[in-house]
Amino acid sequence: MSLINIPRHLSPVRRRSMLKSLYFNMPRAEEIDAVLSMVVDDYDAGVLTGEHYEGNGMVLVGESHSGKTREIDQALIRMGEKDGCLECGRERRFIQFALNGETTWKGLGLQVVEELGYAMAPRCTEHVIWSEIRKILQEDGIWLLHIDECQHMFQTLGVNETKKVINSIKTFMKHRDWPIVIVLSGIPELLDKVNLDPQLRNLITPYYLQPLDPLAEDGFDEIDTALCGFSEATGIGISAIREEDVFMRLCYGHGNLYGRVLRFLVDVFAALPVDQSELTVEFLADRYALRTGCIPGHNVFLRDDYQGCDVEVLMAGTE
């Protein structure tokens, strides 16, 4: 884990920006790397055979704010930065897209074309658009396509349209001249779409980004790693809050989701006054109240029986 030194004299905005840029390599990263490497190795071996083979892919799912986008982004960066080409001779080239709101397969195709630096008339059919995309990817040597928040593409589609998109994805993966590795990521409901088609299911390797589990033996390792990383980068002491009870409250107050906990810790370290060198539970409580608008009776850092706090709504207890 490579950390930067974040001076205390920086503005809160610049401190926050530098804190947000920090990435902590957790065991989850090793697991995702293992799945991605298996998928890439299978593709590499398929190309080496010199014969036609079916493509493959990966689907990574996790709850909203579980940190899945950051993790798959970093995994792809690590894959791309490995020394040398694939054993088949192809460079480690991939392209990524994030779906925002409702998107059709055709709409995604137009987005991909634009990102690749080309232009196509919106009146073109989706078959023409994606056929052209495949040719462009082959010319540019790009063999992996990552689509983030992929569930947006299916949320408003009917059964027939959903089947058509799934068939299009399979066709893209299994193309004889330039098969593509497809990486999909999104919320757990995305798995329902993958499981609709047995052929697609057999081509895809899944990974589920588990929520934090405070009751597990290593349940606090990820929080502790992040907390220590922020402390090292800022020089702020954490001895007063580095204990199991505080970690339990952090988890409960943020739905046991690592991404939400991390966002809160970024806010805490960015907002600490310059003349304060130690984090305290009182400061955590103040920032939690400011971020959620809850009354003291629903503040997880103040209430003894914190599991009685309503953490699912904003401004809990004010009605």
C-alpha atoms as a PDB file:
ATOM      1  CA  MET A   1       0.000   0.000   0.000  1.00  0.00           C
ATOM      2  CA  SER A   2       1.622   3.234  -1.154  1.00  0.00           C
ATOM      3  CA  LEU A   3       0.548   6.259   0.828  1.00  0.00           C
ATOM      4  CA  ILE A   4       1.049   9.950   0.299  1.00  0.00           C
ATOM      5  CA  ASN A   5       1.701  12.576   2.932  1.00  0.00           C
ATOM      6  CA  ILE A   6      -1.263  14.913   3.308  1.00  0.00           C
ATOM      7  CA  PRO A   7      -0.155  18.180   4.981  1.00  0.00           C
ATOM      8  CA  ARG A   8      -2.511  19.545   7.620  1.00  0.00           C
ATOM      9  CA  HIS A   9      -2.263  23.116   6.281  1.00  0.00           C
ATOM     10  CA  LEU A  10      -4.095  22.230   3.064  1.00  0.00           C
ATOM     11  CA  SER A  11      -7.650  23.412   2.627  1.00  0.00           C
ATOM     12  CA  PRO A  12     -10.370  20.968   3.706  1.00  0.00           C
ATOM     13  CA  VAL A  13     -11.314  20.487   0.042  1.00  0.00           C
ATOM     14  CA  ARG A  14      -7.768  19.570  -1.008  1.00  0.00           C
ATOM     15  CA  ARG A  15      -7.355  17.300   2.008  1.00  0.00           C
ATOM     16  CA  ARG A  16     -10.623  15.607   1.136  1.00  0.00           C
ATOM     17  CA  SER A  17      -9.549  15.187  -2.485  1.00  0.00           C
ATOM     18  CA  MET A  18      -6.268  13.527  -1.500  1.00  0.00           C
ATOM     19  CA  LEU A  19      -7.999  11.300   1.041  1.00  0.00           C
ATOM     20  CA  LYS A  20     -10.554  10.199  -1.571  1.00  0.00           C
ATOM     21  CA  SER A  21      -7.729   9.208  -3.915  1.00  0.00           C
ATOM     22  CA  LEU A  22      -6.208   6.753  -1.425  1.00  0.00           C
ATOM     23  CA  TYR A  23      -6.727   3.072  -2.179  1.00  0.00           C
ATOM     24  CA  PHE A  24      -6.153   0.296   0.322  1.00  0.00           C
ATOM     25  CA  ASN A  25      -5.358  -3.170  -0.978  1.00  0.00           C
ATOM     26  CA  MET A  26      -7.619  -5.567   0.936  1.00  0.00           C
ATOM     27  CA  PRO A  27      -7.990  -9.377   0.753  1.00  0.00           C
ATOM     28  CA  ARG A  28     -10.988  -8.742  -1.500  1.00  0.00           C
ATOM     29  CA  ALA A  29      -8.576  -7.317  -4.073  1.00  0.00           C
ATOM     30  CA  GLU A  30      -6.592 -10.553  -4.144  1.00  0.00           C
ATOM     31  CA  GLU A  31      -9.787 -12.556  -4.608  1.00  0.00           C
ATOM     32  CA  ILE A  32     -10.988 -10.357  -7.468  1.00  0.00           C
ATOM     33  CA  ASP A  33      -7.540 -10.516  -9.069  1.00  0.00           C
ATOM     34  CA  ALA A  34      -7.694 -14.314  -8.913  1.00  0.00           C
ATOM     35  CA  VAL A  35     -11.063 -14.448 -10.687  1.00  0.00           C
ATOM     36  CA  LEU A  36     -10.027 -11.891 -13.304  1.00  0.00           C
ATOM     37  CA  SER A  37      -6.726 -13.687 -13.909  1.00  0.00           C
ATOM     38  CA  MET A  38      -8.574 -16.966 -14.432  1.00  0.00           C
ATOM     39  CA  VAL A  39     -10.833 -15.323 -17.005  1.00  0.00           C
ATOM     40  CA  VAL A  40      -7.924 -13.626 -18.793  1.00  0.00           C
ATOM     41  CA  ASP A  41      -5.813 -16.791 -18.747  1.00  0.00           C
ATOM     42  CA  ASP A  42      -8.680 -18.744 -20.301  1.00  0.00           C
ATOM     43  CA  TYR A  43      -8.971 -16.145 -23.055  1.00  0.00           C
ATOM     44  CA  ASP A  44      -5.198 -16.158 -23.576  1.00  0.00           C
ATOM     45  CA  ALA A  45      -5.117 -19.942 -23.825  1.00  0.00           C
ATOM     46  CA  GLY A  46      -8.025 -19.908 -26.253  1.00  0.00           C
ATOM     47  CA  VAL A  47      -6.187 -17.566 -28.589  1.00  0.00           C
ATOM     48  CA  LEU A  48      -3.049 -19.712 -28.339  1.00  0.00           C
ATOM     49  CA  THR A  49      -4.924 -22.771 -29.590  1.00  0.00           C
ATOM     50  CA  GLY A  50      -5.353 -21.123 -32.971  1.00  0.00           C
ATOM     51  CA  GLU A  51      -8.825 -22.605 -33.126  1.00  0.00           C
ATOM     52  CA  HIS A  52     -12.277 -21.144 -32.681  1.00  0.00           C
ATOM     53  CA  TYR A  53     -13.284 -21.021 -29.039  1.00  0.00           C
ATOM     54  CA  GLU A  54     -16.058 -19.515 -26.994  1.00  0.00           C
ATOM     55  CA  GLY A  55     -15.321 -16.322 -25.154  1.00  0.00           C
ATOM     56  CA  ASN A  56     -15.772 -15.859 -21.452  1.00  0.00           C
ATOM     57  CA  GLY A  57     -16.401 -13.175 -18.883  1.00  0.00           C
ATOM     58  CA  MET A  58     -16.873 -12.123 -15.291  1.00  0.00           C
ATOM     59  CA  VAL A  59     -19.673 -10.564 -13.295  1.00  0.00           C
ATOM     60  CA  LEU A  60     -18.904  -8.711 -10.066  1.00  0.00           C
ATOM     61  CA  VAL A  61     -21.867  -7.806  -7.882  1.00  0.00           C
ATOM     62  CA  GLY A  62     -22.253  -6.041  -4.572  1.00  0.00           C
ATOM     63  CA  GLU A  63     -24.676  -3.830  -2.742  1.00  0.00           C
ATOM     64  CA  SER A  64     -24.742  -0.130  -3.563  1.00  0.00           C
ATOM     65  CA  HIS A  65     -21.809   1.592  -1.793  1.00  0.00           C
ATOM     66  CA  SER A  66     -20.010  -1.705  -1.179  1.00  0.00           C
ATOM     67  CA  GLY A  67     -16.978  -0.413  -3.104  1.00  0.00           C
ATOM     68  CA  LYS A  68     -17.394  -2.643  -6.151  1.00  0.00           C
ATOM     69  CA  THR A  69     -16.667  -0.002  -8.798  1.00  0.00           C
ATOM     70  CA  ARG A  70     -13.394   1.028  -7.153  1.00  0.00           C
ATOM     71  CA  GLU A  71     -12.348  -2.593  -6.724  1.00  0.00           C
ATOM     72  CA  ILE A  72     -12.986  -3.700 -10.309  1.00  0.00           C
ATOM     73  CA  ASP A  73     -11.388  -0.509 -11.630  1.00  0.00           C
ATOM     74  CA  GLN A  74      -8.238  -1.185  -9.611  1.00  0.00           C
ATOM     75  CA  ALA A  75      -8.225  -4.869 -10.599  1.00  0.00           C
ATOM     76  CA  LEU A  76      -8.313  -3.930 -14.283  1.00  0.00           C
ATOM     77  CA  ILE A  77      -5.548  -1.372 -13.755  1.00  0.00           C
ATOM     78  CA  ARG A  78      -3.390  -4.018 -12.066  1.00  0.00           C
ATOM     79  CA  MET A  79      -4.083  -6.438 -14.920  1.00  0.00           C
ATOM     80  CA  GLY A  80      -3.171  -3.806 -17.498  1.00  0.00           C
ATOM     81  CA  GLU A  81       0.044  -2.839 -15.727  1.00  0.00           C
ATOM     82  CA  LYS A  82       1.495  -6.344 -15.601  1.00  0.00           C
ATOM     83  CA  ASP A  83       4.772  -6.701 -17.450  1.00  0.00           C
ATOM     84  CA  GLY A  84       4.575  -7.888 -21.001  1.00  0.00           C
ATOM     85  CA  CYS A  85       1.766  -8.913 -23.283  1.00  0.00           C
ATOM     86  CA  LEU A  86      -0.462 -11.929 -22.934  1.00  0.00           C
ATOM     87  CA  GLU A  87       1.275 -15.157 -23.910  1.00  0.00           C
ATOM     88  CA  CYS A  88      -0.693 -15.103 -27.158  1.00  0.00           C
ATOM     89  CA  GLY A  89       1.061 -11.813 -27.984  1.00  0.00           C
ATOM     90  CA  ARG A  90      -1.867  -9.458 -27.510  1.00  0.00           C
ATOM     91  CA  GLU A  91      -1.362  -6.286 -25.495  1.00  0.00           C
ATOM     92  CA  ARG A  92      -3.311  -5.836 -22.267  1.00  0.00           C
ATOM     93  CA  ARG A  93      -5.922  -3.479 -23.685  1.00  0.00           C
ATOM     94  CA  PHE A  94      -9.404  -2.908 -22.313  1.00  0.00           C
ATOM     95  CA  ILE A  95     -12.126  -0.278 -22.305  1.00  0.00           C
ATOM     96  CA  GLN A  96     -14.639   0.659 -19.581  1.00  0.00           C
ATOM     97  CA  PHE A  97     -18.061   2.271 -19.474  1.00  0.00           C
ATOM     98  CA  ALA A  98     -20.432   3.195 -16.664  1.00  0.00           C
ATOM     99  CA  LEU A  99     -24.137   3.245 -17.365  1.00  0.00           C
ATOM    100  CA  ASN A 100     -25.994   6.208 -15.923  1.00  0.00           C
ATOM    101  CA  GLY A 101     -29.739   5.754 -15.704  1.00  0.00           C
ATOM    102  CA  GLU A 102     -31.781   4.063 -18.400  1.00  0.00           C
ATOM    103  CA  THR A 103     -29.676   2.811 -21.305  1.00  0.00           C
ATOM    104  CA  THR A 104     -30.505   0.517 -24.198  1.00  0.00           C
ATOM    105  CA  TRP A 105     -28.076  -1.835 -25.918  1.00  0.00           C
ATOM    106  CA  LYS A 106     -28.159   0.521 -28.891  1.00  0.00           C
ATOM    107  CA  GLY A 107     -27.602   3.542 -26.643  1.00  0.00           C
ATOM    108  CA  LEU A 108     -24.622   1.842 -25.039  1.00  0.00           C
ATOM    109  CA  GLY A 109     -23.277   1.053 -28.497  1.00  0.00           C
ATOM    110  CA  LEU A 110     -23.414   4.714 -29.509  1.00  0.00           C
ATOM    111  CA  GLN A 111     -21.650   5.608 -26.256  1.00  0.00           C
ATOM    112  CA  VAL A 112     -18.904   3.073 -26.964  1.00  0.00           C
ATOM    113  CA  VAL A 113     -18.446   4.347 -30.519  1.00  0.00           C
ATOM    114  CA  GLU A 114     -18.100   7.919 -29.272  1.00  0.00           C
ATOM    115  CA  GLU A 115     -15.631   6.921 -26.560  1.00  0.00           C
ATOM    116  CA  LEU A 116     -13.520   5.140 -29.178  1.00  0.00           C
ATOM    117  CA  GLY A 117     -13.325   8.380 -31.143  1.00  0.00           C
ATOM    118  CA  TYR A 118     -15.737   7.530 -33.928  1.00  0.00           C
ATOM    119  CA  ALA A 119     -19.196   8.720 -34.917  1.00  0.00           C
ATOM    120  CA  MET A 120     -22.261   6.888 -36.150  1.00  0.00           C
ATOM    121  CA  ALA A 121     -25.705   8.154 -37.046  1.00  0.00           C
ATOM    122  CA  PRO A 122     -28.310   7.405 -34.336  1.00  0.00           C
ATOM    123  CA  ARG A 123     -30.564   5.980 -37.052  1.00  0.00           C
ATOM    124  CA  CYS A 124     -28.201   3.015 -37.497  1.00  0.00           C
ATOM    125  CA  THR A 125     -29.523  -0.253 -36.133  1.00  0.00           C
ATOM    126  CA  GLU A 126     -27.957  -1.747 -33.034  1.00  0.00           C
ATOM    127  CA  HIS A 127     -26.699  -4.669 -35.144  1.00  0.00           C
ATOM    128  CA  VAL A 128     -24.812  -2.277 -37.429  1.00  0.00           C
ATOM    129  CA  ILE A 129     -23.500  -0.284 -34.464  1.00  0.00           C
ATOM    130  CA  TRP A 130     -22.152  -3.293 -32.563  1.00  0.00           C
ATOM    131  CA  SER A 131     -20.743  -4.891 -35.712  1.00  0.00           C
ATOM    132  CA  GLU A 132     -18.775  -1.719 -36.284  1.00  0.00           C
ATOM    133  CA  ILE A 133     -17.670  -1.663 -32.646  1.00  0.00           C
ATOM    134  CA  ARG A 134     -16.295  -5.186 -32.939  1.00  0.00           C
ATOM    135  CA  LYS A 135     -14.281  -4.185 -36.010  1.00  0.00           C
ATOM    136  CA  ILE A 136     -12.919  -1.090 -34.233  1.00  0.00           C
ATOM    137  CA  LEU A 137     -11.957  -3.097 -31.149  1.00  0.00           C
ATOM    138  CA  GLN A 138     -10.181  -5.633 -33.325  1.00  0.00           C
ATOM    139  CA  GLU A 139      -8.293  -2.909 -35.188  1.00  0.00           C
ATOM    140  CA  ASP A 140      -7.293  -1.277 -31.886  1.00  0.00           C
ATOM    141  CA  GLY A 141      -6.374  -4.577 -30.230  1.00  0.00           C
ATOM    142  CA  ILE A 142      -8.945  -4.169 -27.433  1.00  0.00           C
ATOM    143  CA  TRP A 143     -10.218  -7.538 -26.208  1.00  0.00           C
ATOM    144  CA  LEU A 144     -11.875  -6.742 -22.864  1.00  0.00           C
ATOM    145  CA  LEU A 145     -14.982  -4.627 -22.329  1.00  0.00           C
ATOM    146  CA  HIS A 146     -16.120  -3.643 -18.813  1.00  0.00           C
ATOM    147  CA  ILE A 147     -19.666  -2.342 -18.318  1.00  0.00           C
ATOM    148  CA  ASP A 148     -20.301  -0.900 -14.846  1.00  0.00           C
ATOM    149  CA  GLU A 149     -23.748  -0.436 -13.258  1.00  0.00           C
ATOM    150  CA  CYS A 150     -24.979  -2.851 -15.901  1.00  0.00           C
ATOM    151  CA  GLN A 151     -28.338  -3.360 -14.178  1.00  0.00           C
ATOM    152  CA  HIS A 152     -29.463   0.025 -15.572  1.00  0.00           C
ATOM    153  CA  MET A 153     -29.611  -1.559 -19.022  1.00  0.00           C
ATOM    154  CA  PHE A 154     -32.124  -4.164 -17.893  1.00  0.00           C
ATOM    155  CA  GLN A 155     -34.342  -2.308 -15.428  1.00  0.00           C
ATOM    156  CA  THR A 156     -36.841  -1.003 -17.972  1.00  0.00           C
ATOM    157  CA  LEU A 157     -36.547  -3.740 -20.614  1.00  0.00           C
ATOM    158  CA  GLY A 158     -39.285  -6.268 -21.212  1.00  0.00           C
ATOM    159  CA  VAL A 159     -38.650 -10.000 -21.427  1.00  0.00           C
ATOM    160  CA  ASN A 160     -38.059 -10.049 -25.181  1.00  0.00           C
ATOM    161  CA  GLU A 161     -35.720  -7.051 -25.158  1.00  0.00           C
ATOM    162  CA  THR A 162     -33.777  -8.536 -22.250  1.00  0.00           C
ATOM    163  CA  LYS A 163     -33.313 -11.797 -24.148  1.00  0.00           C
ATOM    164  CA  LYS A 164     -32.167  -9.857 -27.214  1.00  0.00           C
ATOM    165  CA  VAL A 165     -29.523  -7.986 -25.208  1.00  0.00           C
ATOM    166  CA  ILE A 166     -28.303 -11.220 -23.615  1.00  0.00           C
ATOM    167  CA  ASN A 167     -28.029 -12.849 -27.029  1.00  0.00           C
ATOM    168  CA  SER A 168     -26.089  -9.834 -28.289  1.00  0.00           C
ATOM    169  CA  ILE A 169     -23.647 -10.092 -25.384  1.00  0.00           C
ATOM    170  CA  LYS A 170     -23.132 -13.800 -26.087  1.00  0.00           C
ATOM    171  CA  THR A 171     -22.564 -13.114 -29.776  1.00  0.00           C
ATOM    172  CA  PHE A 172     -19.969 -10.500 -28.910  1.00  0.00           C
ATOM    173  CA  MET A 173     -18.175 -12.919 -26.588  1.00  0.00           C
ATOM    174  CA  LYS A 174     -18.247 -15.821 -29.052  1.00  0.00           C
ATOM    175  CA  HIS A 175     -17.419 -14.015 -32.310  1.00  0.00           C
ATOM    176  CA  ARG A 176     -15.205 -16.173 -34.504  1.00  0.00           C
ATOM    177  CA  ASP A 177     -12.750 -13.458 -35.584  1.00  0.00           C
ATOM    178  CA  TRP A 178     -12.459 -11.366 -32.402  1.00  0.00           C
ATOM    179  CA  PRO A 179     -14.109 -12.770 -29.279  1.00  0.00           C
ATOM    180  CA  ILE A 180     -14.342 -10.280 -26.418  1.00  0.00           C
ATOM    181  CA  VAL A 181     -13.975 -10.796 -22.671  1.00  0.00           C
ATOM    182  CA  ILE A 182     -17.006  -9.171 -21.053  1.00  0.00           C
ATOM    183  CA  VAL A 183     -16.823  -7.921 -17.454  1.00  0.00           C
ATOM    184  CA  LEU A 184     -20.139  -6.824 -15.960  1.00  0.00           C
ATOM    185  CA  SER A 185     -20.537  -5.163 -12.573  1.00  0.00           C
ATOM    186  CA  GLY A 186     -23.535  -3.943 -10.639  1.00  0.00           C
ATOM    187  CA  ILE A 187     -25.922  -4.678  -7.792  1.00  0.00           C
ATOM    188  CA  PRO A 188     -26.880  -8.302  -6.966  1.00  0.00           C
ATOM    189  CA  GLU A 189     -30.024  -8.154  -9.140  1.00  0.00           C
ATOM    190  CA  LEU A 190     -27.682  -8.236 -12.137  1.00  0.00           C
ATOM    191  CA  LEU A 191     -27.097 -11.928 -11.432  1.00  0.00           C
ATOM    192  CA  ASP A 192     -30.771 -12.601 -12.134  1.00  0.00           C
ATOM    193  CA  LYS A 193     -30.241 -11.420 -15.709  1.00  0.00           C
ATOM    194  CA  VAL A 194     -27.099 -13.501 -16.191  1.00  0.00           C
ATOM    195  CA  ASN A 195     -28.893 -16.563 -14.843  1.00  0.00           C
ATOM    196  CA  LEU A 196     -31.758 -16.146 -17.317  1.00  0.00           C
ATOM    197  CA  ASP A 197     -29.695 -17.729 -20.060  1.00  0.00           C
ATOM    198  CA  PRO A 198     -27.864 -21.031 -19.395  1.00  0.00           C
ATOM    199  CA  GLN A 199     -25.334 -20.365 -22.165  1.00  0.00           C
ATOM    200  CA  LEU A 200     -24.384 -16.946 -20.777  1.00  0.00           C
ATOM    201  CA  ARG A 201     -24.281 -18.348 -17.253  1.00  0.00           C
ATOM    202  CA  ASN A 202     -21.803 -20.989 -18.387  1.00  0.00           C
ATOM    203  CA  LEU A 203     -19.557 -18.354 -19.932  1.00  0.00           C
ATOM    204  CA  ILE A 204     -19.494 -16.067 -16.874  1.00  0.00           C
ATOM    205  CA  THR A 205     -17.527 -16.400 -13.618  1.00  0.00           C
ATOM    206  CA  PRO A 206     -19.168 -14.570 -10.685  1.00  0.00           C
ATOM    207  CA  TYR A 207     -17.744 -12.725  -7.694  1.00  0.00           C
ATOM    208  CA  TYR A 208     -19.856 -11.319  -4.867  1.00  0.00           C
ATOM    209  CA  LEU A 209     -18.402  -8.453  -2.866  1.00  0.00           C
ATOM    210  CA  GLN A 210     -19.560  -9.360   0.617  1.00  0.00           C
ATOM    211  CA  PRO A 211     -20.753  -6.723   3.096  1.00  0.00           C
ATOM    212  CA  LEU A 212     -18.678  -6.231   6.226  1.00  0.00           C
ATOM    213  CA  ASP A 213     -19.286  -8.944   8.811  1.00  0.00           C
ATOM    214  CA  PRO A 214     -18.561  -7.596  12.311  1.00  0.00           C
ATOM    215  CA  LEU A 215     -19.097 -11.060  13.822  1.00  0.00           C
ATOM    216  CA  ALA A 216     -16.446 -12.752  11.680  1.00  0.00           C
ATOM    217  CA  GLU A 217     -12.997 -13.389  13.093  1.00  0.00           C
ATOM    218  CA  ASP A 218     -11.469 -10.927  10.636  1.00  0.00           C
ATOM    219  CA  GLY A 219     -14.580  -8.749  10.407  1.00  0.00           C
ATOM    220  CA  PHE A 220     -12.787  -5.526  11.273  1.00  0.00           C
ATOM    221  CA  ASP A 221      -9.610  -6.013   9.240  1.00  0.00           C
ATOM    222  CA  GLU A 222     -10.769  -3.849   6.335  1.00  0.00           C
ATOM    223  CA  ILE A 223     -11.908  -0.992   8.575  1.00  0.00           C
ATOM    224  CA  ASP A 224      -8.696  -1.154  10.586  1.00  0.00           C
ATOM    225  CA  THR A 225      -6.567  -1.167   7.434  1.00  0.00           C
ATOM    226  CA  ALA A 226      -8.340   1.926   6.103  1.00  0.00           C
ATOM    227  CA  LEU A 227      -8.222   3.692   9.462  1.00  0.00           C
ATOM    228  CA  CYS A 228      -4.496   3.037   9.869  1.00  0.00           C
ATOM    229  CA  GLY A 229      -3.889   4.117   6.279  1.00  0.00           C
ATOM    230  CA  PHE A 230      -5.651   7.435   6.776  1.00  0.00           C
ATOM    231  CA  SER A 231      -3.772   7.940  10.038  1.00  0.00           C
ATOM    232  CA  GLU A 232      -0.425   7.270   8.378  1.00  0.00           C
ATOM    233  CA  ALA A 233      -1.195   9.626   5.505  1.00  0.00           C
ATOM    234  CA  THR A 234      -2.354  12.491   7.726  1.00  0.00           C
ATOM    235  CA  GLY A 235      -0.369  12.022  10.928  1.00  0.00           C
ATOM    236  CA  ILE A 236      -3.614  12.050  12.935  1.00  0.00           C
ATOM    237  CA  GLY A 237      -3.733   9.746  15.967  1.00  0.00           C
ATOM    238  CA  ILE A 238      -6.420   7.076  16.145  1.00  0.00           C
ATOM    239  CA  SER A 239      -5.693   5.269  19.423  1.00  0.00           C
ATOM    240  CA  ALA A 240      -8.884   6.599  21.061  1.00  0.00           C
ATOM    241  CA  ILE A 241     -11.160   5.105  18.396  1.00  0.00           C
ATOM    242  CA  ARG A 242      -9.253   1.991  17.356  1.00  0.00           C
ATOM    243  CA  GLU A 243     -11.328  -0.444  19.367  1.00  0.00           C
ATOM    244  CA  GLU A 244     -13.991  -3.051  18.698  1.00  0.00           C
ATOM    245  CA  ASP A 245     -16.928  -1.086  20.118  1.00  0.00           C
ATOM    246  CA  VAL A 246     -16.229   1.881  17.818  1.00  0.00           C
ATOM    247  CA  PHE A 247     -15.811  -0.437  14.824  1.00  0.00           C
ATOM    248  CA  MET A 248     -19.147  -2.100  15.623  1.00  0.00           C
ATOM    249  CA  ARG A 249     -20.812   1.312  15.673  1.00  0.00           C
ATOM    250  CA  LEU A 250     -19.126   2.323  12.412  1.00  0.00           C
ATOM    251  CA  CYS A 251     -20.404  -0.831  10.723  1.00  0.00           C
ATOM    252  CA  TYR A 252     -23.939  -0.597  12.068  1.00  0.00           C
ATOM    253  CA  GLY A 253     -24.275   3.095  11.285  1.00  0.00           C
ATOM    254  CA  HIS A 254     -23.331   2.506   7.657  1.00  0.00           C
ATOM    255  CA  GLY A 255     -25.233  -0.661   6.846  1.00  0.00           C
ATOM    256  CA  ASN A 256     -22.098  -2.867   7.051  1.00  0.00           C
ATOM    257  CA  LEU A 257     -21.017  -1.453   3.694  1.00  0.00           C
ATOM    258  CA  TYR A 258     -17.321  -0.765   3.267  1.00  0.00           C
ATOM    259  CA  GLY A 259     -17.840   2.024   0.736  1.00  0.00           C
ATOM    260  CA  ARG A 260     -20.115   3.955   3.107  1.00  0.00           C
ATOM    261  CA  VAL A 261     -17.721   3.512   6.034  1.00  0.00           C
ATOM    262  CA  LEU A 262     -14.825   4.681   3.863  1.00  0.00           C
ATOM    263  CA  ARG A 263     -16.762   7.753   2.730  1.00  0.00           C
ATOM    264  CA  PHE A 264     -17.479   8.647   6.358  1.00  0.00           C
ATOM    265  CA  LEU A 265     -13.830   8.241   7.344  1.00  0.00           C
ATOM    266  CA  VAL A 266     -12.752  10.487   4.467  1.00  0.00           C
ATOM    267  CA  ASP A 267     -15.119  13.148   5.775  1.00  0.00           C
ATOM    268  CA  VAL A 268     -13.850  12.731   9.348  1.00  0.00           C
ATOM    269  CA  PHE A 269     -10.153  13.024   8.482  1.00  0.00           C
ATOM    270  CA  ALA A 270     -10.800  15.920   6.091  1.00  0.00           C
ATOM    271  CA  ALA A 271     -12.861  17.885   8.617  1.00  0.00           C
ATOM    272  CA  LEU A 272     -10.667  17.518  11.703  1.00  0.00           C
ATOM    273  CA  PRO A 273      -9.484  20.993  12.835  1.00  0.00           C
ATOM    274  CA  VAL A 274      -5.811  21.737  12.225  1.00  0.00           C
ATOM    275  CA  ASP A 275      -5.166  22.201  15.939  1.00  0.00           C
ATOM    276  CA  GLN A 276      -6.559  18.747  16.776  1.00  0.00           C
ATOM    277  CA  SER A 277      -4.148  15.850  16.304  1.00  0.00           C
ATOM    278  CA  GLU A 278      -6.215  12.965  17.718  1.00  0.00           C
ATOM    279  CA  LEU A 279      -9.527  11.553  16.573  1.00  0.00           C
ATOM    280  CA  THR A 280     -12.099  11.077  19.309  1.00  0.00           C
ATOM    281  CA  VAL A 281     -15.434   9.328  19.556  1.00  0.00           C
ATOM    282  CA  GLU A 282     -16.995  12.722  20.236  1.00  0.00           C
ATOM    283  CA  PHE A 283     -15.745  14.016  16.907  1.00  0.00           C
ATOM    284  CA  LEU A 284     -17.093  10.921  15.138  1.00  0.00           C
ATOM    285  CA  ALA A 285     -20.463  11.572  16.762  1.00  0.00           C
ATOM    286  CA  ASP A 286     -20.445  15.223  15.654  1.00  0.00           C
ATOM    287  CA  ARG A 287     -19.684  14.331  12.031  1.00  0.00           C
ATOM    288  CA  TYR A 288     -22.244  11.512  12.024  1.00  0.00           C
ATOM    289  CA  ALA A 289     -24.922  13.900  13.307  1.00  0.00           C
ATOM    290  CA  LEU A 290     -23.968  16.478  10.683  1.00  0.00           C
ATOM    291  CA  ARG A 291     -24.055  13.941   7.843  1.00  0.00           C
ATOM    292  CA  THR A 292     -27.306  12.209   8.827  1.00  0.00           C
ATOM    293  CA  GLY A 293     -29.236  14.948  10.655  1.00  0.00           C
ATOM    294  CA  CYS A 294     -30.178  12.489  13.418  1.00  0.00           C
ATOM    295  CA  ILE A 295     -31.018  13.446  16.971  1.00  0.00           C
ATOM    296  CA  PRO A 296     -28.658  12.240  19.759  1.00  0.00           C
ATOM    297  CA  GLY A 297     -31.005   9.347  20.499  1.00  0.00           C
ATOM    298  CA  HIS A 298     -30.309   7.930  17.025  1.00  0.00           C
ATOM    299  CA  ASN A 299     -26.587   8.686  16.917  1.00  0.00           C
ATOM    300  CA  VAL A 300     -24.706   5.377  16.885  1.00  0.00           C
ATOM    301  CA  PHE A 301     -21.698   6.957  18.606  1.00  0.00           C
ATOM    302  CA  LEU A 302     -23.737   8.353  21.511  1.00  0.00           C
ATOM    303  CA  ARG A 303     -26.455   5.828  22.336  1.00  0.00           C
ATOM    304  CA  ASP A 304     -25.441   2.905  24.569  1.00  0.00           C
ATOM    305  CA  ASP A 305     -27.758   0.445  22.820  1.00  0.00           C
ATOM    306  CA  TYR A 306     -26.732   1.766  19.399  1.00  0.00           C
ATOM    307  CA  GLN A 307     -28.470  -1.082  17.567  1.00  0.00           C
ATOM    308  CA  GLY A 308     -31.734   0.600  18.502  1.00  0.00           C
ATOM    309  CA  CYS A 309     -30.803   3.603  16.336  1.00  0.00           C
ATOM    310  CA  ASP A 310     -32.689   4.070  13.097  1.00  0.00           C
ATOM    311  CA  VAL A 311     -29.892   4.258  10.532  1.00  0.00           C
ATOM    312  CA  GLU A 312     -32.039   3.708   7.450  1.00  0.00           C
ATOM    313  CA  VAL A 313     -33.436   7.254   7.187  1.00  0.00           C
ATOM    314  CA  LEU A 314     -32.095  10.791   7.269  1.00  0.00           C
ATOM    315  CA  MET A 315     -32.946  13.038  10.215  1.00  0.00           C
ATOM    316  CA  ALA A 316     -33.922  10.020  12.315  1.00  0.00           C
ATOM    317  CA  GLY A 317     -36.011  10.919  15.364  1.00  0.00           C
ATOM    318  CA  THR A 318     -36.802  14.484  14.325  1.00  0.00           C
ATOM    319  CA  GLU A 319     -40.409  13.817  13.339  1.00  0.00           C
END
